[in-house]
Amino acid sequence: MSDLGSRDMQRMLQSNKMADRRNFKNMVGKGYYGYFMIALTVLCTIWYFAAHAVDRPFTFPYFESVVRQLATAVTDMHVIRNIGITLRRVATGVLIGAAIGYPLGMLMGYVKPIMQTIAPFINSFRQIPTTTWVPLAIVWFGLGDGPTIFIIAFQAVFAIILNTVAGVKDISGDFYNAAQSMGATKLAVIKDIVLPGSMSGLITGIRIALGTAWMTVV
C-alpha cells in the first residue's frame, strides 16, 4: 500500500502539473500572447471569407453577424443575470473545494502515512467521468444550484489537493531543520512553515479549479 500510494501520488502530481496553463505558456516562451493574437486574427479572417464564399448563414454564419449578436447579448439584462448566477455557482463550488482540499492537501504533503493511505482513493475517484455523477447529484440535491455546485466542488477538491501537496513538497528541508533546532513544536511547524509554504499550491489549485469549473457548470 505504501509503494502504491507513492506511485499514485507521483502520477497525479505530474498529470496535474501539465494541467496548469502556465506550463504551456512556458513551452511557447515570451511570445505566447503575440502568437495567440496572430493565430486569432488569421482564424477570424479565414472565417470571414469562408462564410461569404459558402453563403449559407444558417449553417455557417457570417463573422460580423456573430460579433454583432455577441455585442447585443452582453448588454441584455437577462443574459447578465444568468452570467451572475453562473459566476455564483462557480465561486461557491470552488470555495467549497478549497475548504475541503486545502487542509487535506496540507496533511497529505506533511504526513507521509496519510498521503500513502489516501492517495490511491483520490486517484481512483478523480478518474471517474464527471457526467456519471450528474444523476446522483440530482437525486441527492434536487434540481437547481445544488447538483452544479456539487460537481464543481468535487472536481475542485482534487486540483487543490494535488497542488497543495506539491506546494508542501517544494518547501526546503532547511526550514524544517531550522525550526526543529530552535525547539519548534509540530503545531508551530505547520503554522509557520507548512501553512505559508503551501499557499502557492493553493493559488495554483484554485486557478486550475476555476478552469475546470467552466467545463462542468452547464
Protein backbone atom coordinates (compact mmCIF):
# COMPACT_ATOMS: atom_id res chain seq x y z
CA MET A 1 0.00 0.00 0.00
CA SER A 2 2.87 2.35 0.81
CA ASP A 3 4.59 1.96 -2.58
CA LEU A 4 1.27 2.09 -4.39
CA GLY A 5 0.33 5.32 -2.64
CA SER A 6 3.66 6.93 -3.50
CA ARG A 7 3.44 5.92 -7.16
CA ASP A 8 -0.15 7.11 -7.42
CA MET A 9 0.74 10.46 -5.89
CA GLN A 10 3.67 10.98 -8.26
CA ARG A 11 1.47 10.23 -11.26
CA MET A 12 -1.23 12.57 -10.00
CA LEU A 13 1.21 15.40 -9.35
CA GLN A 14 2.74 15.04 -12.82
CA SER A 15 -0.61 15.00 -14.62
CA ASN A 16 -1.86 17.90 -12.55
CA LYS A 17 1.28 19.88 -13.35
CA MET A 18 0.55 19.57 -17.06
CA ALA A 19 -3.00 20.83 -16.44
CA ASP A 20 -1.61 24.20 -15.39
CA ARG A 21 -1.76 26.53 -18.38
CA ARG A 22 1.49 28.20 -17.28
CA ASN A 23 3.39 25.11 -18.43
CA PHE A 24 2.04 25.51 -21.97
CA LYS A 25 2.90 29.22 -21.91
CA ASN A 26 6.43 28.37 -20.79
CA MET A 27 6.83 25.93 -23.68
CA VAL A 28 5.94 28.67 -26.17
CA GLY A 29 8.07 31.31 -24.49
CA LYS A 30 7.69 35.06 -24.17
CA GLY A 31 5.76 35.38 -27.43
CA TYR A 32 2.76 33.39 -26.15
CA TYR A 33 0.22 36.21 -26.36
CA GLY A 34 1.69 37.57 -29.58
CA TYR A 35 1.36 34.21 -31.33
CA PHE A 36 -2.14 33.86 -29.89
CA MET A 37 -3.26 37.20 -31.36
CA ILE A 38 -1.74 36.35 -34.74
CA ALA A 39 -3.48 32.96 -34.79
CA LEU A 40 -6.79 34.53 -33.71
CA THR A 41 -6.55 37.17 -36.45
CA VAL A 42 -5.81 34.54 -39.10
CA LEU A 43 -8.70 32.38 -37.88
CA CYS A 44 -11.18 35.28 -37.94
CA THR A 45 -10.02 36.29 -41.42
CA ILE A 46 -10.48 32.77 -42.75
CA TRP A 47 -13.90 32.61 -41.09
CA TYR A 48 -14.95 35.92 -42.68
CA PHE A 49 -14.04 34.98 -46.24
CA ALA A 50 -15.10 31.34 -45.97
CA ALA A 51 -18.56 32.27 -44.65
CA HIS A 52 -19.15 34.70 -47.50
CA ALA A 53 -17.86 32.18 -50.03
CA VAL A 54 -20.23 29.46 -48.76
CA ASP A 55 -23.07 32.00 -48.37
CA ARG A 56 -25.20 29.80 -46.11
CA PRO A 57 -25.63 31.89 -42.96
CA PHE A 58 -27.98 29.37 -41.35
CA THR A 59 -25.31 26.64 -41.23
CA PHE A 60 -22.19 28.82 -41.48
CA PRO A 61 -22.96 32.28 -40.02
CA TYR A 62 -21.06 35.37 -41.07
CA PHE A 63 -18.32 36.51 -38.74
CA GLU A 64 -19.70 40.05 -38.48
CA SER A 65 -23.17 38.67 -37.63
CA VAL A 66 -21.78 36.66 -34.74
CA VAL A 67 -19.87 39.67 -33.40
CA ARG A 68 -22.99 41.82 -33.66
CA GLN A 69 -25.14 39.26 -31.82
CA LEU A 70 -22.47 38.85 -29.16
CA ALA A 71 -22.45 42.59 -28.53
CA THR A 72 -26.24 42.52 -28.22
CA ALA A 73 -26.17 39.55 -25.83
CA VAL A 74 -23.70 41.07 -23.37
CA THR A 75 -25.95 44.10 -22.95
CA ASP A 76 -29.12 42.04 -22.37
CA MET A 77 -30.14 42.06 -18.68
CA HIS A 78 -31.45 38.50 -18.91
CA VAL A 79 -28.05 37.33 -20.10
CA ILE A 80 -26.28 39.39 -17.44
CA ARG A 81 -28.43 37.88 -14.68
CA ASN A 82 -27.66 34.37 -15.89
CA ILE A 83 -23.95 35.19 -16.03
CA GLY A 84 -24.24 36.29 -12.40
CA ILE A 85 -25.91 33.00 -11.45
CA THR A 86 -23.17 31.06 -13.22
CA LEU A 87 -20.42 33.06 -11.50
CA ARG A 88 -22.04 32.43 -8.13
CA ARG A 89 -22.17 28.69 -8.76
CA VAL A 90 -18.54 28.59 -9.86
CA ALA A 91 -17.33 30.66 -6.91
CA THR A 92 -19.34 28.63 -4.38
CA GLY A 93 -18.17 25.29 -5.75
CA VAL A 94 -14.51 26.32 -5.86
CA LEU A 95 -14.65 27.77 -2.33
CA ILE A 96 -16.16 24.55 -1.01
CA GLY A 97 -13.48 22.57 -2.84
CA ALA A 98 -10.79 24.78 -1.30
CA ALA A 99 -12.24 24.42 2.19
CA ILE A 100 -12.03 20.63 1.87
CA GLY A 101 -8.98 20.18 -0.33
CA TYR A 102 -6.56 22.65 1.23
CA PRO A 103 -6.35 21.19 4.77
CA LEU A 104 -6.41 17.66 3.37
CA GLY A 105 -3.62 18.51 0.92
CA MET A 106 -1.52 20.01 3.70
CA LEU A 107 -1.89 16.88 5.80
CA MET A 108 -1.06 14.62 2.86
CA GLY A 109 2.01 16.66 1.99
CA TYR A 110 3.29 16.89 5.55
CA VAL A 111 2.36 13.47 6.96
CA LYS A 112 3.63 10.74 4.65
CA PRO A 113 1.46 7.87 6.03
CA ILE A 114 -1.67 9.93 5.39
CA MET A 115 -0.58 10.57 1.79
CA GLN A 116 0.23 6.90 1.19
CA THR A 117 -3.13 5.85 2.63
CA ILE A 118 -5.38 8.37 0.88
CA ALA A 119 -3.58 8.75 -2.47
CA PRO A 120 -4.94 5.52 -4.08
CA PHE A 121 -8.52 6.51 -3.23
CA ILE A 122 -8.07 10.03 -4.58
CA ASN A 123 -6.51 8.69 -7.75
CA SER A 124 -9.45 6.32 -8.21
CA PHE A 125 -12.20 8.87 -7.63
CA ARG A 126 -10.64 11.53 -9.83
CA GLN A 127 -10.70 9.15 -12.80
CA ILE A 128 -14.49 8.84 -12.70
CA PRO A 129 -16.04 10.95 -15.51
CA THR A 130 -17.93 13.98 -14.28
CA THR A 131 -21.09 13.04 -16.20
CA THR A 132 -21.52 9.88 -14.12
CA TRP A 133 -22.07 11.99 -11.01
CA VAL A 134 -24.88 14.05 -12.54
CA PRO A 135 -27.76 11.58 -11.84
CA LEU A 136 -26.57 11.04 -8.27
CA ALA A 137 -26.14 14.77 -7.72
CA ILE A 138 -29.72 15.40 -8.86
CA VAL A 139 -31.02 12.67 -6.55
CA TRP A 140 -29.03 14.00 -3.59
CA PHE A 141 -29.52 17.73 -4.07
CA GLY A 142 -32.55 18.02 -6.34
CA LEU A 143 -32.83 20.49 -9.21
CA GLY A 144 -31.29 23.94 -9.06
CA ASP A 145 -27.86 25.08 -7.93
CA GLY A 146 -27.12 22.04 -5.75
CA PRO A 147 -26.01 19.49 -8.38
CA THR A 148 -23.91 22.03 -10.29
CA ILE A 149 -22.15 23.27 -7.16
CA PHE A 150 -21.52 19.69 -6.02
CA ILE A 151 -19.87 18.71 -9.32
CA ILE A 152 -17.74 21.87 -9.41
CA ALA A 153 -16.66 21.33 -5.79
CA PHE A 154 -15.96 17.66 -6.47
CA GLN A 155 -13.55 18.49 -9.28
CA ALA A 156 -12.03 21.44 -7.43
CA VAL A 157 -11.13 19.28 -4.43
CA PHE A 158 -8.72 17.15 -6.44
CA ALA A 159 -6.99 20.06 -8.18
CA ILE A 160 -6.49 21.86 -4.88
CA ILE A 161 -5.34 18.74 -3.02
CA LEU A 162 -2.70 17.89 -5.62
CA ASN A 163 -1.34 21.41 -5.90
CA THR A 164 -1.29 21.86 -2.14
CA VAL A 165 0.65 18.61 -1.78
CA ALA A 166 3.09 19.85 -4.44
CA GLY A 167 3.43 23.15 -2.57
CA VAL A 168 4.25 21.39 0.69
CA LYS A 169 6.72 19.07 -1.05
CA ASP A 170 8.51 22.09 -2.55
CA ILE A 171 9.29 23.53 0.89
CA SER A 172 13.02 23.26 1.51
CA GLY A 173 14.06 20.84 4.25
CA ASP A 174 16.28 23.58 5.66
CA PHE A 175 13.21 25.32 7.03
CA TYR A 176 12.16 22.19 8.93
CA ASN A 177 15.68 21.67 10.25
CA ALA A 178 15.96 25.28 11.40
CA ALA A 179 12.60 25.11 13.18
CA GLN A 180 13.44 21.84 14.90
CA SER A 181 16.83 23.15 16.02
CA MET A 182 15.04 26.02 17.75
CA GLY A 183 12.66 23.64 19.51
CA ALA A 184 9.54 24.35 17.44
CA THR A 185 6.57 22.08 18.08
CA LYS A 186 4.71 20.22 15.33
CA LEU A 187 1.89 22.74 15.53
CA ALA A 188 4.34 25.62 15.21
CA VAL A 189 5.98 23.99 12.17
CA ILE A 190 2.60 23.62 10.48
CA LYS A 191 1.55 27.17 11.34
CA ASP A 192 4.80 28.94 10.48
CA ILE A 193 6.24 26.78 7.68
CA VAL A 194 3.72 24.42 6.11
CA LEU A 195 0.79 26.84 6.02
CA PRO A 196 2.55 29.77 4.32
CA GLY A 197 4.70 27.47 2.16
CA SER A 198 1.65 25.73 0.70
CA MET A 199 -0.18 28.94 -0.24
CA SER A 200 1.38 28.97 -3.71
CA GLY A 201 -0.03 25.49 -4.29
CA LEU A 202 -3.45 26.63 -3.10
CA ILE A 203 -3.46 29.57 -5.53
CA THR A 204 -2.42 27.33 -8.42
CA GLY A 205 -5.07 24.77 -7.45
CA ILE A 206 -7.79 27.42 -7.36
CA ARG A 207 -6.75 28.69 -10.78
CA ILE A 208 -6.94 25.17 -12.27
CA ALA A 209 -10.22 24.51 -10.44
CA LEU A 210 -11.72 27.68 -11.93
CA GLY A 211 -10.71 26.47 -15.39
CA THR A 212 -12.33 23.05 -14.94
CA ALA A 213 -15.41 24.62 -13.33
CA TRP A 214 -16.35 26.33 -16.60
CA MET A 215 -16.38 22.92 -18.30
CA THR A 216 -18.84 21.48 -15.78
CA VAL A 217 -21.03 24.45 -14.86
CA VAL A 218 -23.51 23.73 -17.67
